[in-house]
């Protein structure tokens, strides 16, 4: 009987100890324990985030002024070109109607020219004989000059239609498309054998290639309307490029769009950031990047995690729980005055001193109802 009683008492003790250990572990797992955080000096930066990409400042499209078919492509993507370098050769590909119209125009204007030439010669003869007045001679000469100009224009049009080149008369037009400015070939949209539509006042024309000056890049992105009122032209920035995770590119705000744009339900503003040209890093057009615009930055100031702060009166007052020196004594709720924040940490202007310990309350347990 005594042996059974001892076993029973032992079981009770074991169950009690196990229940105590389980309660302690559950309380610690659920965050029942409070933590202490030390207020200490550090650096804090208030910043705004812009999302965008790296783009060249100067980028232009290459288009043809004559219709035809691409005969030769003289450049590849990535090639560097100078002003006047040949890029493409266009072979004219006129329709039968174009050829007929051009030839008919030459014949018509030649007939008009020959008639005007005869009339002018006759008026010269009559004027010398004193029969025709000077005004008739002047009119005949004007008609002769206009007919000569029209014939020359018709011949040039036929030459351009048939060969893609025009020479003479102070002009030297050809079917070779040349670079209007120096840069790097970003894209080439055509290959030999593809048709080309010319650039005219009535149509945009076929884009042959895109060229940009890769020595002058900038960041272009968007910033939320909440932050746009805090930034200004000239503010320093730190740009983090997705393809270069270990590098930070410095720059400064160059322009801020005066009008917003709506994108996926958000109100955003365009922002342009000029990059610091120092450094030997290689940037490419189209790199995705994030720009941190530094609004305010302070070093060696007292900071605490912002999650420890309790706000009242619409955010006009802030309080923290300061731990007592005696671990058994309760914490003291203290009002503090705050400065700038980076979203995680906040500057403390008054109410605390370096080294004080703050109480971080455990998160509230969410129970299913």
Protein backbone atom coordinates (compact mmCIF):
# COMPACT_ATOMS: atom_id res chain seq x y z
CA UNK A 1 0.00 0.00 0.00
CA UNK A 2 2.84 2.38 0.89
CA UNK A 3 4.56 1.52 -2.40
CA UNK A 4 1.46 2.41 -4.39
CA UNK A 5 1.12 5.68 -2.50
CA UNK A 6 4.74 6.61 -3.29
CA UNK A 7 4.23 5.83 -6.98
CA UNK A 8 1.08 7.96 -7.00
CA UNK A 9 2.88 10.92 -5.35
CA UNK A 10 5.78 10.56 -7.81
CA UNK A 11 3.39 10.63 -10.76
CA UNK A 12 1.76 13.78 -9.44
CA UNK A 13 5.16 15.51 -9.15
CA UNK A 14 6.17 14.47 -12.68
CA UNK A 15 2.88 15.73 -14.13
CA UNK A 16 3.23 19.05 -12.27
CA UNK A 17 6.79 19.58 -13.50
CA UNK A 18 5.79 18.70 -17.06
CA UNK A 19 2.84 21.09 -16.91
CA UNK A 20 5.10 23.88 -15.64
CA UNK A 21 7.64 23.29 -18.41
CA UNK A 22 4.90 23.23 -21.06
CA UNK A 23 3.38 26.46 -19.76
CA UNK A 24 6.79 28.16 -19.77
CA UNK A 25 7.57 26.98 -23.30
CA UNK A 26 4.13 27.99 -24.57
CA UNK A 27 4.38 31.42 -23.04
CA UNK A 28 7.84 31.97 -24.61
CA UNK A 29 6.67 30.69 -28.00
CA UNK A 30 3.62 32.94 -28.02
CA UNK A 31 5.69 35.97 -27.20
CA UNK A 32 4.58 36.16 -23.56
CA UNK A 33 8.04 37.34 -22.53
CA UNK A 34 8.96 41.00 -22.87
CA UNK A 35 12.22 42.07 -24.50
CA UNK A 36 14.52 44.95 -23.70
CA UNK A 37 15.92 47.22 -26.41
CA UNK A 38 18.75 49.68 -25.74
CA UNK A 39 18.51 53.24 -27.07
CA UNK A 40 21.81 54.00 -28.77
CA UNK A 41 23.48 56.40 -31.17
CA UNK A 42 23.40 55.71 -34.87
CA UNK A 43 22.73 57.12 -38.33
CA UNK A 44 19.29 57.62 -39.80
CA UNK A 45 18.20 58.69 -43.26
CA UNK A 46 14.79 59.90 -44.34
CA UNK A 47 14.38 58.98 -47.99
CA UNK A 48 11.89 58.56 -50.80
CA UNK A 49 11.94 55.67 -53.26
CA UNK A 50 11.69 55.99 -57.04
CA UNK A 51 11.35 52.92 -59.27
CA UNK A 52 12.51 52.99 -62.88
CA UNK A 53 15.40 52.18 -65.20
CA UNK A 54 18.62 53.49 -66.70
CA UNK A 55 18.14 55.32 -70.01
CA UNK A 56 20.36 57.29 -72.39
CA UNK A 57 19.68 61.02 -72.44
CA UNK A 58 19.98 61.21 -76.25
CA UNK A 59 18.32 58.49 -78.32
CA UNK A 60 17.12 58.78 -81.90
CA UNK A 61 15.63 56.57 -84.62
CA UNK A 62 17.09 56.03 -88.07
CA UNK A 63 14.62 56.15 -90.97
CA UNK A 64 14.84 56.28 -94.75
CA UNK A 65 13.65 59.12 -96.96
CA UNK A 66 13.19 56.87 -99.97
CA UNK A 67 11.15 53.71 -100.42
CA UNK A 68 12.70 50.45 -101.46
CA UNK A 69 14.30 47.29 -100.12
CA UNK A 70 17.23 47.00 -97.71
CA UNK A 71 20.21 45.96 -99.83
CA UNK A 72 22.94 46.00 -97.16
CA UNK A 73 23.11 46.39 -93.38
CA UNK A 74 26.46 47.95 -92.57
CA UNK A 75 26.18 47.95 -88.74
CA UNK A 76 25.38 45.51 -85.97
CA UNK A 77 23.84 46.02 -82.55
CA UNK A 78 26.50 47.37 -80.19
CA UNK A 79 28.62 49.04 -82.89
CA UNK A 80 29.87 52.57 -82.24
CA UNK A 81 29.29 54.99 -85.10
CA UNK A 82 30.41 58.53 -85.88
CA UNK A 83 28.63 61.30 -87.71
CA UNK A 84 28.28 60.38 -91.39
CA UNK A 85 29.11 56.70 -91.03
CA UNK A 86 27.09 54.51 -93.48
CA UNK A 87 24.43 52.41 -91.78
CA UNK A 88 22.18 50.95 -94.49
CA UNK A 89 21.98 50.83 -98.27
CA UNK A 90 18.48 51.02 -99.72
CA UNK A 91 17.76 49.61 -103.19
CA UNK A 92 14.85 51.35 -104.91
CA UNK A 93 11.93 49.06 -105.66
CA UNK A 94 9.51 51.19 -107.70
CA UNK A 95 6.20 49.84 -108.87
CA UNK A 96 5.40 49.82 -112.63
CA UNK A 97 3.09 52.75 -112.00
CA UNK A 98 5.90 54.76 -110.38
CA UNK A 99 8.20 54.08 -113.36
CA UNK A 100 5.51 55.02 -115.87
CA UNK A 101 4.58 58.20 -114.00
CA UNK A 102 8.22 59.29 -113.71
CA UNK A 103 8.92 58.68 -117.43
CA UNK A 104 5.70 60.39 -118.49
CA UNK A 105 6.54 63.41 -116.37
CA UNK A 106 9.91 63.76 -118.13
CA UNK A 107 8.31 63.56 -121.58
CA UNK A 108 5.60 66.07 -120.70
CA UNK A 109 7.97 68.60 -119.18
CA UNK A 110 10.42 68.16 -122.08
CA UNK A 111 7.68 69.03 -124.58
CA UNK A 112 6.72 72.07 -122.53
CA UNK A 113 10.38 73.09 -122.34
CA UNK A 114 10.89 72.80 -126.10
CA UNK A 115 7.78 74.90 -126.76
CA UNK A 116 8.89 77.52 -124.23
CA UNK A 117 12.32 77.60 -125.85
CA UNK A 118 10.83 78.25 -129.29
CA UNK A 119 8.56 80.98 -127.94
CA UNK A 120 11.45 82.66 -126.18
CA UNK A 121 13.59 82.61 -129.35
CA UNK A 122 10.74 84.10 -131.38
CA UNK A 123 10.15 86.87 -128.85
CA UNK A 124 13.86 87.67 -128.86
CA UNK A 125 13.80 88.03 -132.67
CA UNK A 126 10.67 90.21 -132.60
CA UNK A 127 12.06 92.38 -129.84
CA UNK A 128 15.28 93.00 -131.81
CA UNK A 129 13.19 94.03 -134.82
CA UNK A 130 11.24 96.45 -132.65
CA UNK A 131 7.97 94.64 -133.21
CA UNK A 132 7.41 93.04 -129.75
CA UNK A 133 7.50 95.02 -126.52
CA UNK A 134 9.95 94.30 -123.69
CA UNK A 135 7.17 92.89 -121.51
CA UNK A 136 6.46 90.10 -124.02
CA UNK A 137 10.14 89.17 -124.06
CA UNK A 138 10.24 89.09 -120.24
CA UNK A 139 7.15 86.86 -120.07
CA UNK A 140 8.62 84.44 -122.60
CA UNK A 141 11.89 84.29 -120.71
CA UNK A 142 10.06 83.57 -117.42
CA UNK A 143 8.06 80.76 -119.05
CA UNK A 144 11.27 79.34 -120.53
CA UNK A 145 13.05 79.37 -117.13
CA UNK A 146 10.11 77.70 -115.38
CA UNK A 147 9.92 75.00 -118.07
CA UNK A 148 13.65 74.32 -117.70
CA UNK A 149 13.30 73.99 -113.93
CA UNK A 150 10.30 71.65 -114.28
CA UNK A 151 12.21 69.45 -116.74
CA UNK A 152 15.20 69.22 -114.38
CA UNK A 153 12.92 68.30 -111.49
CA UNK A 154 11.21 65.58 -113.53
CA UNK A 155 14.58 64.13 -114.53
CA UNK A 156 15.76 64.07 -110.90
CA UNK A 157 12.52 62.41 -109.80
CA UNK A 158 12.96 59.71 -112.45
CA UNK A 159 16.59 59.20 -111.44
CA UNK A 160 15.66 58.92 -107.77
CA UNK A 161 12.85 56.50 -108.56
CA UNK A 162 14.99 54.27 -110.75
CA UNK A 163 18.38 54.35 -108.99
CA UNK A 164 17.80 55.86 -105.56
CA UNK A 165 20.41 58.52 -106.22
CA UNK A 166 20.31 62.12 -107.38
CA UNK A 167 23.40 64.11 -108.32
CA UNK A 168 24.00 67.44 -109.98
CA UNK A 169 22.48 70.85 -109.52
CA UNK A 170 24.27 71.31 -106.21
CA UNK A 171 22.67 68.15 -104.76
CA UNK A 172 24.13 64.78 -103.91
CA UNK A 173 21.36 62.53 -102.62
CA UNK A 174 21.91 58.79 -102.42
CA UNK A 175 20.33 55.64 -101.09
CA UNK A 176 23.00 55.21 -98.38
CA UNK A 177 21.52 55.95 -94.94
CA UNK A 178 24.16 57.62 -92.74
CA UNK A 179 24.40 58.32 -89.02
CA UNK A 180 23.20 61.86 -88.19
CA UNK A 181 25.07 61.82 -84.85
CA UNK A 182 27.62 59.74 -82.98
CA UNK A 183 26.53 56.97 -80.64
CA UNK A 184 26.03 53.25 -80.13
CA UNK A 185 23.59 51.12 -82.10
CA UNK A 186 21.02 49.88 -79.56
CA UNK A 187 18.67 48.05 -81.92
CA UNK A 188 18.51 47.11 -85.60
CA UNK A 189 14.96 46.55 -86.79
CA UNK A 190 15.55 45.43 -90.40
CA UNK A 191 17.56 42.85 -92.32
CA UNK A 192 18.62 42.69 -95.98
CA UNK A 193 15.68 42.07 -98.28
CA UNK A 194 13.03 43.73 -96.11
CA UNK A 195 10.91 46.54 -97.59
CA UNK A 196 11.23 50.10 -96.31
CA UNK A 197 8.56 52.80 -96.17
CA UNK A 198 9.99 56.34 -96.34
CA UNK A 199 9.54 59.09 -93.77
CA UNK A 200 7.15 61.73 -95.09
CA UNK A 201 4.90 64.42 -93.60
CA UNK A 202 2.02 61.92 -93.89
CA UNK A 203 3.56 58.72 -92.49
CA UNK A 204 6.13 57.87 -89.78
CA UNK A 205 8.22 55.59 -91.98
CA UNK A 206 10.00 52.33 -91.14
CA UNK A 207 12.42 52.47 -88.21
CA UNK A 208 15.71 50.96 -89.34
CA UNK A 209 17.72 51.29 -86.12
CA UNK A 210 17.99 53.14 -82.82
CA UNK A 211 21.19 54.93 -81.79
CA UNK A 212 22.00 56.47 -78.42
CA UNK A 213 24.88 58.24 -76.71
CA UNK A 214 25.82 55.71 -74.02
CA UNK A 215 28.34 58.06 -72.42
CA UNK A 216 25.50 60.21 -71.05
CA UNK A 217 23.00 58.11 -69.09
CA UNK A 218 20.32 59.03 -66.57
CA UNK A 219 17.75 57.35 -64.34
CA UNK A 220 14.10 57.82 -65.18
CA UNK A 221 11.44 56.49 -62.87
CA UNK A 222 8.29 57.25 -60.93
CA UNK A 223 7.66 58.31 -57.36
CA UNK A 224 4.46 58.13 -55.34
CA UNK A 225 2.44 61.29 -54.74
CA UNK A 226 2.95 60.86 -50.97
CA UNK A 227 6.68 61.49 -51.34
CA UNK A 228 6.84 63.91 -54.28
CA UNK A 229 6.14 66.90 -52.04
CA UNK A 230 9.21 66.08 -49.95
CA UNK A 231 11.78 66.03 -52.75
CA UNK A 232 13.35 68.87 -54.74
CA UNK A 233 15.74 69.33 -57.65
CA UNK A 234 19.36 68.87 -56.59
CA UNK A 235 18.75 66.36 -53.79
CA UNK A 236 21.37 63.57 -53.64
CA UNK A 237 20.37 60.04 -54.55
CA UNK A 238 21.69 56.52 -54.21
CA UNK A 239 20.75 54.27 -57.13
CA UNK A 240 20.78 50.50 -56.78
CA UNK A 241 20.88 48.68 -60.12
CA UNK A 242 19.36 45.20 -60.20
CA UNK A 243 22.12 43.84 -62.42
CA UNK A 244 24.85 45.28 -60.16
CA UNK A 245 23.76 44.29 -56.64
CA UNK A 246 27.08 45.23 -55.01
CA UNK A 247 27.38 48.71 -56.57
CA UNK A 248 25.62 51.94 -55.61
CA UNK A 249 25.51 54.70 -58.22
CA UNK A 250 25.40 58.26 -56.91
CA UNK A 251 23.39 61.01 -58.58
CA UNK A 252 21.09 63.96 -57.98
CA UNK A 253 17.53 64.88 -58.90
CA UNK A 254 17.46 66.76 -62.21
CA UNK A 255 13.75 67.13 -62.98
CA UNK A 256 10.36 66.37 -61.45
CA UNK A 257 7.29 66.12 -63.65
CA UNK A 258 4.68 68.84 -62.95
CA UNK A 259 1.79 66.51 -63.80
CA UNK A 260 0.92 63.12 -62.38
CA UNK A 261 0.05 59.94 -64.24
CA UNK A 262 -2.34 57.21 -63.20
CA UNK A 263 -0.92 53.70 -63.22
CA UNK A 264 -2.69 50.65 -61.79
CA UNK A 265 -4.78 52.83 -59.50
CA UNK A 266 -1.80 54.76 -58.10
CA UNK A 267 -0.91 58.41 -58.67
CA UNK A 268 2.73 58.68 -59.72
CA UNK A 269 5.10 61.43 -60.86
CA UNK A 270 7.99 61.02 -63.30
CA UNK A 271 11.42 61.93 -61.96
CA UNK A 272 14.75 62.25 -63.79
CA UNK A 273 18.05 61.70 -61.96
CA UNK A 274 21.45 62.54 -63.43
CA UNK A 275 24.11 59.94 -62.67
CA UNK A 276 27.55 60.62 -61.28
CA UNK A 277 29.96 59.86 -64.12
CA UNK A 278 32.81 58.90 -61.80
CA UNK A 279 33.68 55.25 -61.48
CA UNK A 280 34.47 52.51 -63.98
CA UNK A 281 31.22 50.56 -63.76
CA UNK A 282 29.50 49.65 -67.02
CA UNK A 283 25.86 50.66 -67.24
CA UNK A 284 23.54 49.56 -70.02
CA UNK A 285 20.33 51.05 -71.33
CA UNK A 286 17.27 49.38 -69.85
CA UNK A 287 18.78 48.28 -66.53
CA UNK A 288 16.03 48.22 -63.89
CA UNK A 289 16.94 50.24 -60.81
CA UNK A 290 15.64 51.79 -57.59
CA UNK A 291 16.66 55.29 -56.57
CA UNK A 292 16.72 56.34 -52.93
CA UNK A 293 16.31 60.13 -52.78
CA UNK A 294 17.92 61.44 -49.59
CA UNK A 295 15.54 63.96 -48.02
CA UNK A 296 17.33 64.28 -44.65
CA UNK A 297 20.28 62.43 -43.19
CA UNK A 298 21.67 62.59 -39.65
CA UNK A 299 24.63 60.79 -38.13
CA UNK A 300 25.51 59.99 -34.53
CA UNK A 301 22.01 60.70 -33.18
CA UNK A 302 19.94 58.78 -30.62
CA UNK A 303 17.73 56.23 -32.39
CA UNK A 304 15.22 53.58 -31.36
CA UNK A 305 13.07 51.13 -33.33
CA UNK A 306 9.86 52.85 -34.38
CA UNK A 307 7.83 49.78 -33.41
CA UNK A 308 8.42 50.66 -29.72
CA UNK A 309 6.64 53.98 -30.02
CA UNK A 310 2.99 54.46 -29.05
CA UNK A 311 1.30 57.45 -30.70
CA UNK A 312 -1.62 59.41 -29.28
CA UNK A 313 -3.67 62.46 -30.23
CA UNK A 314 -3.40 61.77 -33.93
CA UNK A 315 0.34 61.30 -33.80
CA UNK A 316 1.06 64.56 -31.97
CA UNK A 317 2.33 62.77 -28.87
CA UNK A 318 4.64 59.75 -28.62
CA UNK A 319 5.37 57.46 -25.68
CA UNK A 320 7.74 54.58 -24.92
CA UNK A 321 8.00 52.11 -22.02
CA UNK A 322 11.31 52.69 -20.19
CA UNK A 323 12.52 49.74 -18.13
CA UNK A 324 13.27 50.38 -14.46
CA UNK A 325 16.74 49.90 -13.04
CA UNK A 326 15.37 47.25 -10.70
CA UNK A 327 14.29 44.28 -12.85
CA UNK A 328 11.41 43.63 -10.46
CA UNK A 329 10.07 47.19 -10.68
CA UNK A 330 7.47 48.06 -13.34
CA UNK A 331 8.40 50.00 -16.46
CA UNK A 332 7.64 53.71 -16.78
CA UNK A 333 5.64 55.20 -19.63
CA UNK A 334 7.67 58.18 -20.87
CA UNK A 335 6.81 60.83 -23.43
CA UNK A 336 9.46 61.44 -26.10
CA UNK A 337 9.94 63.94 -28.89
CA UNK A 338 10.83 62.36 -32.22
CA UNK A 339 12.75 63.55 -35.27
CA UNK A 340 13.20 61.98 -38.70
CA UNK A 341 12.35 58.37 -39.49
CA UNK A 342 13.40 55.88 -42.13
CA UNK A 343 10.39 53.64 -41.58
CA UNK A 344 12.22 51.25 -39.26
CA UNK A 345 14.12 53.46 -36.84
CA UNK A 346 13.29 56.93 -35.59
CA UNK A 347 15.38 59.74 -34.13
CA UNK A 348 14.75 60.71 -30.49
CA UNK A 349 15.18 64.44 -29.85
CA UNK A 350 14.32 64.45 -26.14
CA UNK A 351 12.91 62.25 -23.39
CA UNK A 352 15.59 59.53 -23.53
CA UNK A 353 19.32 59.21 -23.11
CA UNK A 354 21.76 56.82 -24.68
CA UNK A 355 21.95 53.46 -22.95
CA UNK A 356 18.44 53.44 -21.51
CA UNK A 357 16.54 50.22 -21.92
CA UNK A 358 13.09 50.17 -23.45
CA UNK A 359 10.46 47.50 -23.05
CA UNK A 360 9.19 45.82 -26.19
CA UNK A 361 5.81 44.33 -25.50
CA UNK A 362 5.06 40.91 -26.96
CA UNK A 363 2.79 40.87 -29.99
CA UNK A 364 -0.84 40.26 -29.32
CA UNK A 365 -1.93 36.69 -29.85
CA UNK A 366 -4.57 36.27 -32.53
CA UNK A 367 -7.08 33.61 -31.63
CA UNK A 368 -9.62 32.09 -33.94
CA UNK A 369 -13.17 32.86 -32.90
